[in-house]
């Protein structure tokens, strides 16, 4: 009991002194909110990518439903190429640089 009391009083900070918080280097245990500059663009790109992946999943499911025949695979390849073209052309970061 006496040891706990001595330890507690030894770690007290005198009035007016700066308290150093070692909980996380550089953050001082304050909540950190991060706001990225291009959140809206990144979020739109994520939504477009998810839609593209969902479309590919649906095309693959249709290919499997059609019996996985060579004709069905050609139809899948054509539809997947069109989906990729739409996805790439609508992405502003993948637009060609013209000077």
PDB file of N, CA and C in Angstrom:
ATOM      1  N   UNK A   1       0.824  -1.186   0.000  1.00  0.00           N
ATOM      2  CA  UNK A   1       0.000   0.000   0.000  1.00  0.00           C
ATOM      3  C   UNK A   1       0.866   1.247   0.000  1.00  0.00           C
ATOM      4  N   UNK A   2       1.886   1.258   0.819  1.00  0.00           N
ATOM      5  CA  UNK A   2       2.788   2.403   0.876  1.00  0.00           C
ATOM      6  C   UNK A   2       3.548   2.545  -0.432  1.00  0.00           C
ATOM      7  N   UNK A   3       3.925   1.425  -1.059  1.00  0.00           N
ATOM      8  CA  UNK A   3       4.641   1.467  -2.330  1.00  0.00           C
ATOM      9  C   UNK A   3       3.760   2.072  -3.418  1.00  0.00           C
ATOM     10  N   UNK A   4       2.494   1.713  -3.452  1.00  0.00           N
ATOM     11  CA  UNK A   4       1.581   2.271  -4.443  1.00  0.00           C
ATOM     12  C   UNK A   4       1.409   3.768  -4.232  1.00  0.00           C
ATOM     13  N   UNK A   5       1.329   4.200  -2.986  1.00  0.00           N
ATOM     14  CA  UNK A   5       1.194   5.624  -2.693  1.00  0.00           C
ATOM     15  C   UNK A   5       2.440   6.390  -3.121  1.00  0.00           C
ATOM     16  N   UNK A   6       3.618   5.838  -2.818  1.00  0.00           N
ATOM     17  CA  UNK A   6       4.851   6.511  -3.213  1.00  0.00           C
ATOM     18  C   UNK A   6       4.999   6.574  -4.734  1.00  0.00           C
ATOM     19  N   UNK A   7       4.627   5.516  -5.401  1.00  0.00           N
ATOM     20  CA  UNK A   7       4.690   5.503  -6.862  1.00  0.00           C
ATOM     21  C   UNK A   7       3.718   6.513  -7.460  1.00  0.00           C
ATOM     22  N   UNK A   8       2.520   6.607  -6.898  1.00  0.00           N
ATOM     23  CA  UNK A   8       1.529   7.557  -7.399  1.00  0.00           C
ATOM     24  C   UNK A   8       1.988   8.992  -7.197  1.00  0.00           C
ATOM     25  N   UNK A   9       2.568   9.284  -6.052  1.00  0.00           N
ATOM     26  CA  UNK A   9       3.026  10.658  -5.797  1.00  0.00           C
ATOM     27  C   UNK A   9       4.284  10.980  -6.591  1.00  0.00           C
ATOM     28  N   UNK A  10       5.090   9.996  -6.918  1.00  0.00           N
ATOM     29  CA  UNK A  10       6.302  10.241  -7.696  1.00  0.00           C
ATOM     30  C   UNK A  10       5.985  10.562  -9.155  1.00  0.00           C
ATOM     31  N   UNK A  11       4.846  10.071  -9.637  1.00  0.00           N
ATOM     32  CA  UNK A  11       4.493  10.307 -11.036  1.00  0.00           C
ATOM     33  C   UNK A  11       3.583  11.514 -11.212  1.00  0.00           C
ATOM     34  N   UNK A  12       3.258  12.220 -10.155  1.00  0.00           N
ATOM     35  CA  UNK A  12       2.425  13.416 -10.271  1.00  0.00           C
ATOM     36  C   UNK A  12       3.201  14.529 -10.961  1.00  0.00           C
ATOM     37  N   UNK A  13       2.487  15.306 -11.732  1.00  0.00           N
ATOM     38  CA  UNK A  13       3.105  16.431 -12.429  1.00  0.00           C
ATOM     39  C   UNK A  13       2.839  17.691 -11.620  1.00  0.00           C
ATOM     40  N   UNK A  14       3.872  18.460 -11.359  1.00  0.00           N
ATOM     41  CA  UNK A  14       3.664  19.693 -10.591  1.00  0.00           C
ATOM     42  C   UNK A  14       2.747  20.655 -11.349  1.00  0.00           C
ATOM     43  N   UNK A  15       2.027  21.502 -10.637  1.00  0.00           N
ATOM     44  CA  UNK A  15       1.129  22.456 -11.292  1.00  0.00           C
ATOM     45  C   UNK A  15       1.888  23.362 -12.265  1.00  0.00           C
ATOM     46  N   UNK A  16       1.285  23.585 -13.419  1.00  0.00           N
ATOM     47  CA  UNK A  16       1.894  24.466 -14.406  1.00  0.00           C
ATOM     48  C   UNK A  16       2.888  23.791 -15.325  1.00  0.00           C
ATOM     49  N   UNK A  17       3.210  22.541 -15.075  1.00  0.00           N
ATOM     50  CA  UNK A  17       4.165  21.828 -15.929  1.00  0.00           C
ATOM     51  C   UNK A  17       3.430  21.175 -17.093  1.00  0.00           C
ATOM     52  N   UNK A  18       4.151  20.970 -18.189  1.00  0.00           N
ATOM     53  CA  UNK A  18       3.575  20.352 -19.377  1.00  0.00           C
ATOM     54  C   UNK A  18       3.514  18.843 -19.183  1.00  0.00           C
ATOM     55  N   UNK A  19       2.369  18.255 -19.495  1.00  0.00           N
ATOM     56  CA  UNK A  19       2.189  16.823 -19.344  1.00  0.00           C
ATOM     57  C   UNK A  19       2.556  16.143 -20.654  1.00  0.00           C
ATOM     58  N   UNK A  20       3.508  15.230 -20.581  1.00  0.00           N
ATOM     59  CA  UNK A  20       3.908  14.482 -21.754  1.00  0.00           C
ATOM     60  C   UNK A  20       3.099  13.201 -21.794  1.00  0.00           C
ATOM     61  N   UNK A  21       2.420  13.006 -22.909  1.00  0.00           N
ATOM     62  CA  UNK A  21       1.605  11.808 -23.074  1.00  0.00           C
ATOM     63  C   UNK A  21       2.310  10.908 -24.075  1.00  0.00           C
ATOM     64  N   UNK A  22       2.689   9.735 -23.637  1.00  0.00           N
ATOM     65  CA  UNK A  22       3.426   8.805 -24.486  1.00  0.00           C
ATOM     66  C   UNK A  22       2.525   7.737 -25.096  1.00  0.00           C
ATOM     67  N   UNK A  23       1.236   7.984 -25.147  1.00  0.00           N
ATOM     68  CA  UNK A  23       0.342   6.944 -25.632  1.00  0.00           C
ATOM     69  C   UNK A  23       0.538   6.658 -27.112  1.00  0.00           C
ATOM     70  N   UNK A  24       0.844   7.663 -27.912  1.00  0.00           N
ATOM     71  CA  UNK A  24       1.105   7.457 -29.329  1.00  0.00           C
ATOM     72  C   UNK A  24       1.992   8.586 -29.813  1.00  0.00           C
ATOM     73  N   UNK A  25       3.081   8.242 -30.374  1.00  0.00           N
ATOM     74  CA  UNK A  25       4.065   9.240 -30.772  1.00  0.00           C
ATOM     75  C   UNK A  25       3.460  10.245 -31.744  1.00  0.00           C
ATOM     76  N   UNK A  26       3.547  11.507 -31.400  1.00  0.00           N
ATOM     77  CA  UNK A  26       3.099  12.567 -32.278  1.00  0.00           C
ATOM     78  C   UNK A  26       1.625  12.884 -32.203  1.00  0.00           C
ATOM     79  N   UNK A  27       0.817  12.056 -31.556  1.00  0.00           N
ATOM     80  CA  UNK A  27      -0.618  12.314 -31.522  1.00  0.00           C
ATOM     81  C   UNK A  27      -1.109  12.736 -30.148  1.00  0.00           C
ATOM     82  N   UNK A  28      -0.392  12.407 -29.106  1.00  0.00           N
ATOM     83  CA  UNK A  28      -0.737  12.787 -27.745  1.00  0.00           C
ATOM     84  C   UNK A  28      -2.141  12.350 -27.360  1.00  0.00           C
ATOM     85  N   UNK A  29      -2.558  11.185 -27.840  1.00  0.00           N
ATOM     86  CA  UNK A  29      -3.819  10.534 -27.474  1.00  0.00           C
ATOM     87  C   UNK A  29      -5.047  11.340 -27.855  1.00  0.00           C
ATOM     88  N   UNK A  30      -4.900  12.325 -28.732  1.00  0.00           N
ATOM     89  CA  UNK A  30      -6.057  13.057 -29.222  1.00  0.00           C
ATOM     90  C   UNK A  30      -6.613  12.326 -30.442  1.00  0.00           C
ATOM     91  N   UNK A  31      -7.913  12.332 -30.612  1.00  0.00           N
ATOM     92  CA  UNK A  31      -8.461  11.678 -31.798  1.00  0.00           C
ATOM     93  C   UNK A  31      -7.992  12.385 -33.063  1.00  0.00           C
ATOM     94  N   UNK A  32      -7.633  11.591 -34.032  1.00  0.00           N
ATOM     95  CA  UNK A  32      -7.110  12.150 -35.269  1.00  0.00           C
ATOM     96  C   UNK A  32      -8.137  11.924 -36.372  1.00  0.00           C
ATOM     97  N   UNK A  33      -8.627  12.996 -36.937  1.00  0.00           N
ATOM     98  CA  UNK A  33      -9.546  12.916 -38.058  1.00  0.00           C
ATOM     99  C   UNK A  33      -8.750  13.186 -39.317  1.00  0.00           C
ATOM    100  N   UNK A  34      -8.846  12.279 -40.258  1.00  0.00           N
ATOM    101  CA  UNK A  34      -8.107  12.454 -41.501  1.00  0.00           C
ATOM    102  C   UNK A  34      -9.081  12.773 -42.616  1.00  0.00           C
ATOM    103  N   UNK A  35      -8.858  13.861 -43.252  1.00  0.00           N
ATOM    104  CA  UNK A  35      -9.686  14.272 -44.392  1.00  0.00           C
ATOM    105  C   UNK A  35      -8.765  14.348 -45.593  1.00  0.00           C
ATOM    106  N   UNK A  36      -8.955  13.439 -46.507  1.00  0.00           N
ATOM    107  CA  UNK A  36      -8.114  13.414 -47.683  1.00  0.00           C
ATOM    108  C   UNK A  36      -8.625  14.439 -48.691  1.00  0.00           C
ATOM    109  N   UNK A  37      -7.727  15.042 -49.430  1.00  0.00           N
ATOM    110  CA  UNK A  37      -8.099  16.112 -50.337  1.00  0.00           C
ATOM    111  C   UNK A  37      -9.003  15.632 -51.455  1.00  0.00           C
ATOM    112  N   UNK A  38      -8.795  14.416 -51.928  1.00  0.00           N
ATOM    113  CA  UNK A  38      -9.546  13.925 -53.064  1.00  0.00           C
ATOM    114  C   UNK A  38     -10.503  12.802 -52.660  1.00  0.00           C
ATOM    115  N   UNK A  39     -11.145  12.968 -51.529  1.00  0.00           N
ATOM    116  CA  UNK A  39     -12.041  11.915 -51.046  1.00  0.00           C
ATOM    117  C   UNK A  39     -13.179  11.655 -52.032  1.00  0.00           C
ATOM    118  N   UNK A  40     -13.797  12.733 -52.531  1.00  0.00           N
ATOM    119  CA  UNK A  40     -14.943  12.567 -53.427  1.00  0.00           C
ATOM    120  C   UNK A  40     -14.538  11.811 -54.686  1.00  0.00           C
ATOM    121  N   UNK A  41     -13.392  12.210 -55.281  1.00  0.00           N
ATOM    122  CA  UNK A  41     -12.940  11.524 -56.493  1.00  0.00           C
ATOM    123  C   UNK A  41     -12.597  10.072 -56.207  1.00  0.00           C
ATOM    124  N   UNK A  42     -11.902   9.838 -55.098  1.00  0.00           N
ATOM    125  CA  UNK A  42     -11.534   8.468 -54.746  1.00  0.00           C
ATOM    126  C   UNK A  42     -12.769   7.621 -54.456  1.00  0.00           C
ATOM    127  N   UNK A  43     -13.755   8.227 -53.794  1.00  0.00           N
ATOM    128  CA  UNK A  43     -14.982   7.495 -53.497  1.00  0.00           C
ATOM    129  C   UNK A  43     -15.730   7.170 -54.792  1.00  0.00           C
ATOM    130  N   UNK A  44     -15.784   8.125 -55.710  1.00  0.00           N
ATOM    131  CA  UNK A  44     -16.439   7.863 -56.993  1.00  0.00           C
ATOM    132  C   UNK A  44     -15.716   6.766 -57.765  1.00  0.00           C
ATOM    133  N   UNK A  45     -14.393   6.777 -57.716  1.00  0.00           N
ATOM    134  CA  UNK A  45     -13.622   5.732 -58.397  1.00  0.00           C
ATOM    135  C   UNK A  45     -13.874   4.379 -57.759  1.00  0.00           C
ATOM    136  N   UNK A  46     -14.001   4.325 -56.443  1.00  0.00           N
ATOM    137  CA  UNK A  46     -14.279   3.059 -55.755  1.00  0.00           C
ATOM    138  C   UNK A  46     -15.664   2.536 -56.150  1.00  0.00           C
ATOM    139  N   UNK A  47     -16.637   3.421 -56.211  1.00  0.00           N
ATOM    140  CA  UNK A  47     -17.988   3.002 -56.607  1.00  0.00           C
ATOM    141  C   UNK A  47     -17.976   2.483 -58.038  1.00  0.00           C
ATOM    142  N   UNK A  48     -17.258   3.181 -58.934  1.00  0.00           N
ATOM    143  CA  UNK A  48     -17.183   2.731 -60.326  1.00  0.00           C
ATOM    144  C   UNK A  48     -16.482   1.381 -60.429  1.00  0.00           C
ATOM    145  N   UNK A  49     -15.409   1.184 -59.636  1.00  0.00           N
ATOM    146  CA  UNK A  49     -14.687  -0.089 -59.657  1.00  0.00           C
ATOM    147  C   UNK A  49     -15.569  -1.224 -59.136  1.00  0.00           C
ATOM    148  N   UNK A  50     -16.305  -0.952 -58.064  1.00  0.00           N
ATOM    149  CA  UNK A  50     -17.200  -1.978 -57.525  1.00  0.00           C
ATOM    150  C   UNK A  50     -18.294  -2.334 -58.530  1.00  0.00           C
ATOM    151  N   UNK A  51     -18.824  -1.331 -59.233  1.00  0.00           N
ATOM    152  CA  UNK A  51     -19.848  -1.597 -60.248  1.00  0.00           C
ATOM    153  C   UNK A  51     -19.266  -2.431 -61.387  1.00  0.00           C
ATOM    154  N   UNK A  52     -18.024  -2.116 -61.766  1.00  0.00           N
ATOM    155  CA  UNK A  52     -17.348  -2.881 -62.823  1.00  0.00           C
ATOM    156  C   UNK A  52     -17.161  -4.343 -62.397  1.00  0.00           C
ATOM    157  N   UNK A  53     -16.711  -4.558 -61.175  1.00  0.00           N
ATOM    158  CA  UNK A  53     -16.520  -5.925 -60.668  1.00  0.00           C
ATOM    159  C   UNK A  53     -17.853  -6.678 -60.584  1.00  0.00           C
ATOM    160  N   UNK A  54     -18.899  -5.982 -60.149  1.00  0.00           N
ATOM    161  CA  UNK A  54     -20.217  -6.625 -60.091  1.00  0.00           C
ATOM    162  C   UNK A  54     -20.703  -7.003 -61.483  1.00  0.00           C
ATOM    163  N   UNK A  55     -20.444  -6.121 -62.456  1.00  0.00           N
ATOM    164  CA  UNK A  55     -20.846  -6.439 -63.823  1.00  0.00           C
ATOM    165  C   UNK A  55     -20.086  -7.661 -64.346  1.00  0.00           C
ATOM    166  N   UNK A  56     -18.797  -7.739 -64.037  1.00  0.00           N
ATOM    167  CA  UNK A  56     -18.020  -8.913 -64.454  1.00  0.00           C
ATOM    168  C   UNK A  56     -18.538 -10.183 -63.780  1.00  0.00           C
ATOM    169  N   UNK A  57     -18.898 -10.076 -62.514  1.00  0.00           N
ATOM    170  CA  UNK A  57     -19.460 -11.236 -61.815  1.00  0.00           C
ATOM    171  C   UNK A  57     -20.769 -11.695 -62.462  1.00  0.00           C
ATOM    172  N   UNK A  58     -21.605 -10.741 -62.835  1.00  0.00           N
ATOM    173  CA  UNK A  58     -22.862 -11.098 -63.490  1.00  0.00           C
ATOM    174  C   UNK A  58     -22.612 -11.733 -64.857  1.00  0.00           C
ATOM    175  N   UNK A  59     -21.639 -11.185 -65.597  1.00  0.00           N
ATOM    176  CA  UNK A  59     -21.311 -11.764 -66.905  1.00  0.00           C
ATOM    177  C   UNK A  59     -20.774 -13.189 -66.748  1.00  0.00           C
ATOM    178  N   UNK A  60     -19.960 -13.412 -65.733  1.00  0.00           N
ATOM    179  CA  UNK A  60     -19.411 -14.752 -65.502  1.00  0.00           C
ATOM    180  C   UNK A  60     -20.519 -15.728 -65.094  1.00  0.00           C
ATOM    181  N   UNK A  61     -21.433 -15.259 -64.269  1.00  0.00           N
ATOM    182  CA  UNK A  61     -22.555 -16.107 -63.872  1.00  0.00           C
ATOM    183  C   UNK A  61     -23.408 -16.464 -65.093  1.00  0.00           C
ATOM    184  N   UNK A  62     -23.576 -15.503 -65.999  1.00  0.00           N
ATOM    185  CA  UNK A  62     -24.331 -15.787 -67.221  1.00  0.00           C
ATOM    186  C   UNK A  62     -23.592 -16.808 -68.082  1.00  0.00           C
ATOM    187  N   UNK A  63     -22.270 -16.684 -68.165  1.00  0.00           N
ATOM    188  CA  UNK A  63     -21.455 -17.649 -68.921  1.00  0.00           C
ATOM    189  C   UNK A  63     -21.608 -19.052 -68.332  1.00  0.00           C
ATOM    190  N   UNK A  64     -21.565 -19.161 -67.022  1.00  0.00           N
ATOM    191  CA  UNK A  64     -21.720 -20.472 -66.380  1.00  0.00           C
ATOM    192  C   UNK A  64     -23.137 -21.018 -66.584  1.00  0.00           C
ATOM    193  N   UNK A  65     -24.114 -20.104 -66.569  1.00  0.00           N
ATOM    194  CA  UNK A  65     -25.504 -20.517 -66.755  1.00  0.00           C
ATOM    195  C   UNK A  65     -25.743 -21.011 -68.183  1.00  0.00           C
ATOM    196  N   UNK A  66     -24.998 -20.425 -69.132  1.00  0.00           N
ATOM    197  CA  UNK A  66     -25.140 -20.828 -70.535  1.00  0.00           C
ATOM    198  C   UNK A  66     -24.433 -22.138 -70.843  1.00  0.00           C
ATOM    199  N   UNK A  67     -23.802 -22.736 -69.881  1.00  0.00           N
ATOM    200  CA  UNK A  67     -23.206 -24.055 -70.059  1.00  0.00           C
ATOM    201  C   UNK A  67     -21.714 -24.049 -70.307  1.00  0.00           C
ATOM    202  N   UNK A  68     -21.042 -22.918 -70.170  1.00  0.00           N
ATOM    203  CA  UNK A  68     -19.579 -22.814 -70.340  1.00  0.00           C
ATOM    204  C   UNK A  68     -19.130 -23.325 -71.714  1.00  0.00           C
ATOM    205  N   UNK A  69     -19.890 -23.011 -72.721  1.00  0.00           N
ATOM    206  CA  UNK A  69     -19.539 -23.431 -74.079  1.00  0.00           C
ATOM    207  C   UNK A  69     -18.589 -22.412 -74.706  1.00  0.00           C
ATOM    208  N   UNK A  70     -17.880 -22.794 -75.772  1.00  0.00           N
ATOM    209  CA  UNK A  70     -17.006 -21.824 -76.439  1.00  0.00           C
ATOM    210  C   UNK A  70     -17.766 -20.604 -76.952  1.00  0.00           C
ATOM    211  N   UNK A  71     -18.983 -20.787 -77.446  1.00  0.00           N
ATOM    212  CA  UNK A  71     -19.767 -19.635 -77.912  1.00  0.00           C
ATOM    213  C   UNK A  71     -20.129 -18.716 -76.745  1.00  0.00           C
ATOM    214  N   UNK A  72     -20.462 -19.310 -75.605  1.00  0.00           N
ATOM    215  CA  UNK A  72     -20.787 -18.506 -74.428  1.00  0.00           C
ATOM    216  C   UNK A  72     -19.558 -17.757 -73.934  1.00  0.00           C
ATOM    217  N   UNK A  73     -18.367 -18.393 -74.059  1.00  0.00           N
ATOM    218  CA  UNK A  73     -17.145 -17.713 -73.622  1.00  0.00           C
ATOM    219  C   UNK A  73     -16.816 -16.538 -74.537  1.00  0.00           C
ATOM    220  N   UNK A  74     -17.050 -16.694 -75.834  1.00  0.00           N
ATOM    221  CA  UNK A  74     -16.816 -15.574 -76.751  1.00  0.00           C
ATOM    222  C   UNK A  74     -17.754 -14.413 -76.422  1.00  0.00           C
ATOM    223  N   UNK A  75     -19.007 -14.735 -76.113  1.00  0.00           N
ATOM    224  CA  UNK A  75     -19.956 -13.689 -75.720  1.00  0.00           C
ATOM    225  C   UNK A  75     -19.496 -13.025 -74.414  1.00  0.00           C
ATOM    226  N   UNK A  76     -18.984 -13.834 -73.477  1.00  0.00           N
ATOM    227  CA  UNK A  76     -18.468 -13.282 -72.219  1.00  0.00           C
ATOM    228  C   UNK A  76     -17.279 -12.362 -72.481  1.00  0.00           C
ATOM    229  N   UNK A  77     -16.348 -12.799 -73.329  1.00  0.00           N
ATOM    230  CA  UNK A  77     -15.175 -11.972 -73.629  1.00  0.00           C
ATOM    231  C   UNK A  77     -15.582 -10.639 -74.249  1.00  0.00           C
ATOM    232  N   UNK A  78     -16.533 -10.682 -75.174  1.00  0.00           N
ATOM    233  CA  UNK A  78     -16.982  -9.458 -75.830  1.00  0.00           C
ATOM    234  C   UNK A  78     -17.635  -8.514 -74.825  1.00  0.00           C
ATOM    235  N   UNK A  79     -18.530  -9.033 -73.994  1.00  0.00           N
ATOM    236  CA  UNK A  79     -19.208  -8.203 -72.997  1.00  0.00           C
ATOM    237  C   UNK A  79     -18.231  -7.675 -71.947  1.00  0.00           C
ATOM    238  N   UNK A  80     -17.252  -8.495 -71.558  1.00  0.00           N
ATOM    239  CA  UNK A  80     -16.257  -8.055 -70.572  1.00  0.00           C
ATOM    240  C   UNK A  80     -15.375  -6.959 -71.159  1.00  0.00           C
ATOM    241  N   UNK A  81     -15.026  -7.067 -72.434  1.00  0.00           N
ATOM    242  CA  UNK A  81     -14.226  -6.024 -73.079  1.00  0.00           C
ATOM    243  C   UNK A  81     -15.001  -4.711 -73.144  1.00  0.00           C
ATOM    244  N   UNK A  82     -16.288  -4.787 -73.444  1.00  0.00           N
ATOM    245  CA  UNK A  82     -17.110  -3.574 -73.467  1.00  0.00           C
ATOM    246  C   UNK A  82     -17.222  -2.954 -72.072  1.00  0.00           C
ATOM    247  N   UNK A  83     -17.372  -3.796 -71.064  1.00  0.00           N
ATOM    248  CA  UNK A  83     -17.458  -3.294 -69.681  1.00  0.00           C
ATOM    249  C   UNK A  83     -16.146  -2.629 -69.281  1.00  0.00           C
ATOM    250  N   UNK A  84     -15.027  -3.234 -69.662  1.00  0.00           N
ATOM    251  CA  UNK A  84     -13.729  -2.646 -69.332  1.00  0.00           C
ATOM    252  C   UNK A  84     -13.546  -1.320 -70.053  1.00  0.00           C
ATOM    253  N   UNK A  85     -13.958  -1.272 -71.309  1.00  0.00           N
ATOM    254  CA  UNK A  85     -13.835  -0.034 -72.072  1.00  0.00           C
ATOM    255  C   UNK A  85     -14.638   1.080 -71.410  1.00  0.00           C
ATOM    256  N   UNK A  86     -15.856   0.775 -70.993  1.00  0.00           N
ATOM    257  CA  UNK A  86     -16.673   1.789 -70.303  1.00  0.00           C
ATOM    258  C   UNK A  86     -16.016   2.214 -68.998  1.00  0.00           C
ATOM    259  N   UNK A  87     -15.498   1.249 -68.265  1.00  0.00           N
ATOM    260  CA  UNK A  87     -14.870   1.564 -66.966  1.00  0.00           C
ATOM    261  C   UNK A  87     -13.638   2.437 -67.165  1.00  0.00           C
ATOM    262  N   UNK A  88     -12.794   2.103 -68.127  1.00  0.00           N
ATOM    263  CA  UNK A  88     -11.557   2.857 -68.340  1.00  0.00           C
ATOM    264  C   UNK A  88     -11.852   4.231 -68.919  1.00  0.00           C
ATOM    265  N   UNK A  89     -12.759   4.311 -69.875  1.00  0.00           N
ATOM    266  CA  UNK A  89     -13.036   5.613 -70.497  1.00  0.00           C
ATOM    267  C   UNK A  89     -13.716   6.582 -69.539  1.00  0.00           C
ATOM    268  N   UNK A  90     -14.432   6.070 -68.570  1.00  0.00           N
ATOM    269  CA  UNK A  90     -15.108   6.952 -67.614  1.00  0.00           C
ATOM    270  C   UNK A  90     -14.240   7.327 -66.421  1.00  0.00           C
ATOM    271  N   UNK A  91     -13.024   6.805 -66.348  1.00  0.00           N
ATOM    272  CA  UNK A  91     -12.137   7.121 -65.225  1.00  0.00           C
ATOM    273  C   UNK A  91     -11.301   8.342 -65.596  1.00  0.00           C
ATOM    274  N   UNK A  92     -11.460   9.458 -64.870  1.00  0.00           N
ATOM    275  CA  UNK A  92     -10.716  10.670 -65.242  1.00  0.00           C
ATOM    276  C   UNK A  92      -9.200  10.528 -65.090  1.00  0.00           C
ATOM    277  N   UNK A  93      -8.741   9.644 -64.192  1.00  0.00           N
ATOM    278  CA  UNK A  93      -7.302   9.491 -63.994  1.00  0.00           C
ATOM    279  C   UNK A  93      -6.657   8.660 -65.097  1.00  0.00           C
ATOM    280  N   UNK A  94      -7.454   7.917 -65.854  1.00  0.00           N
ATOM    281  CA  UNK A  94      -6.908   7.106 -66.935  1.00  0.00           C
ATOM    282  C   UNK A  94      -7.094   7.778 -68.286  1.00  0.00           C
ATOM    283  N   UNK A  95      -7.504   9.027 -68.276  1.00  0.00           N
ATOM    284  CA  UNK A  95      -7.684   9.761 -69.520  1.00  0.00           C
ATOM    285  C   UNK A  95      -6.323  10.057 -70.139  1.00  0.00           C
ATOM    286  N   UNK A  96      -6.216  10.046 -71.462  1.00  0.00           N
ATOM    287  CA  UNK A  96      -4.932  10.340 -72.097  1.00  0.00           C
ATOM    288  C   UNK A  96      -4.529  11.796 -71.885  1.00  0.00           C
ATOM    289  N   UNK A  97      -3.250  12.018 -71.804  1.00  0.00           N
ATOM    290  CA  UNK A  97      -2.722  13.374 -71.645  1.00  0.00           C
ATOM    291  C   UNK A  97      -2.485  13.933 -73.034  1.00  0.00           C
ATOM    292  N   UNK A  98      -3.171  15.004 -73.364  1.00  0.00           N
ATOM    293  CA  UNK A  98      -2.986  15.644 -74.674  1.00  0.00           C
ATOM    294  C   UNK A  98      -2.359  17.010 -74.457  1.00  0.00           C
ATOM    295  N   UNK A  99      -1.324  17.287 -75.219  1.00  0.00           N
ATOM    296  CA  UNK A  99      -0.628  18.564 -75.071  1.00  0.00           C
ATOM    297  C   UNK A  99      -0.613  19.303 -76.363  1.00  0.00           C
TER     298      UNK A  99
END
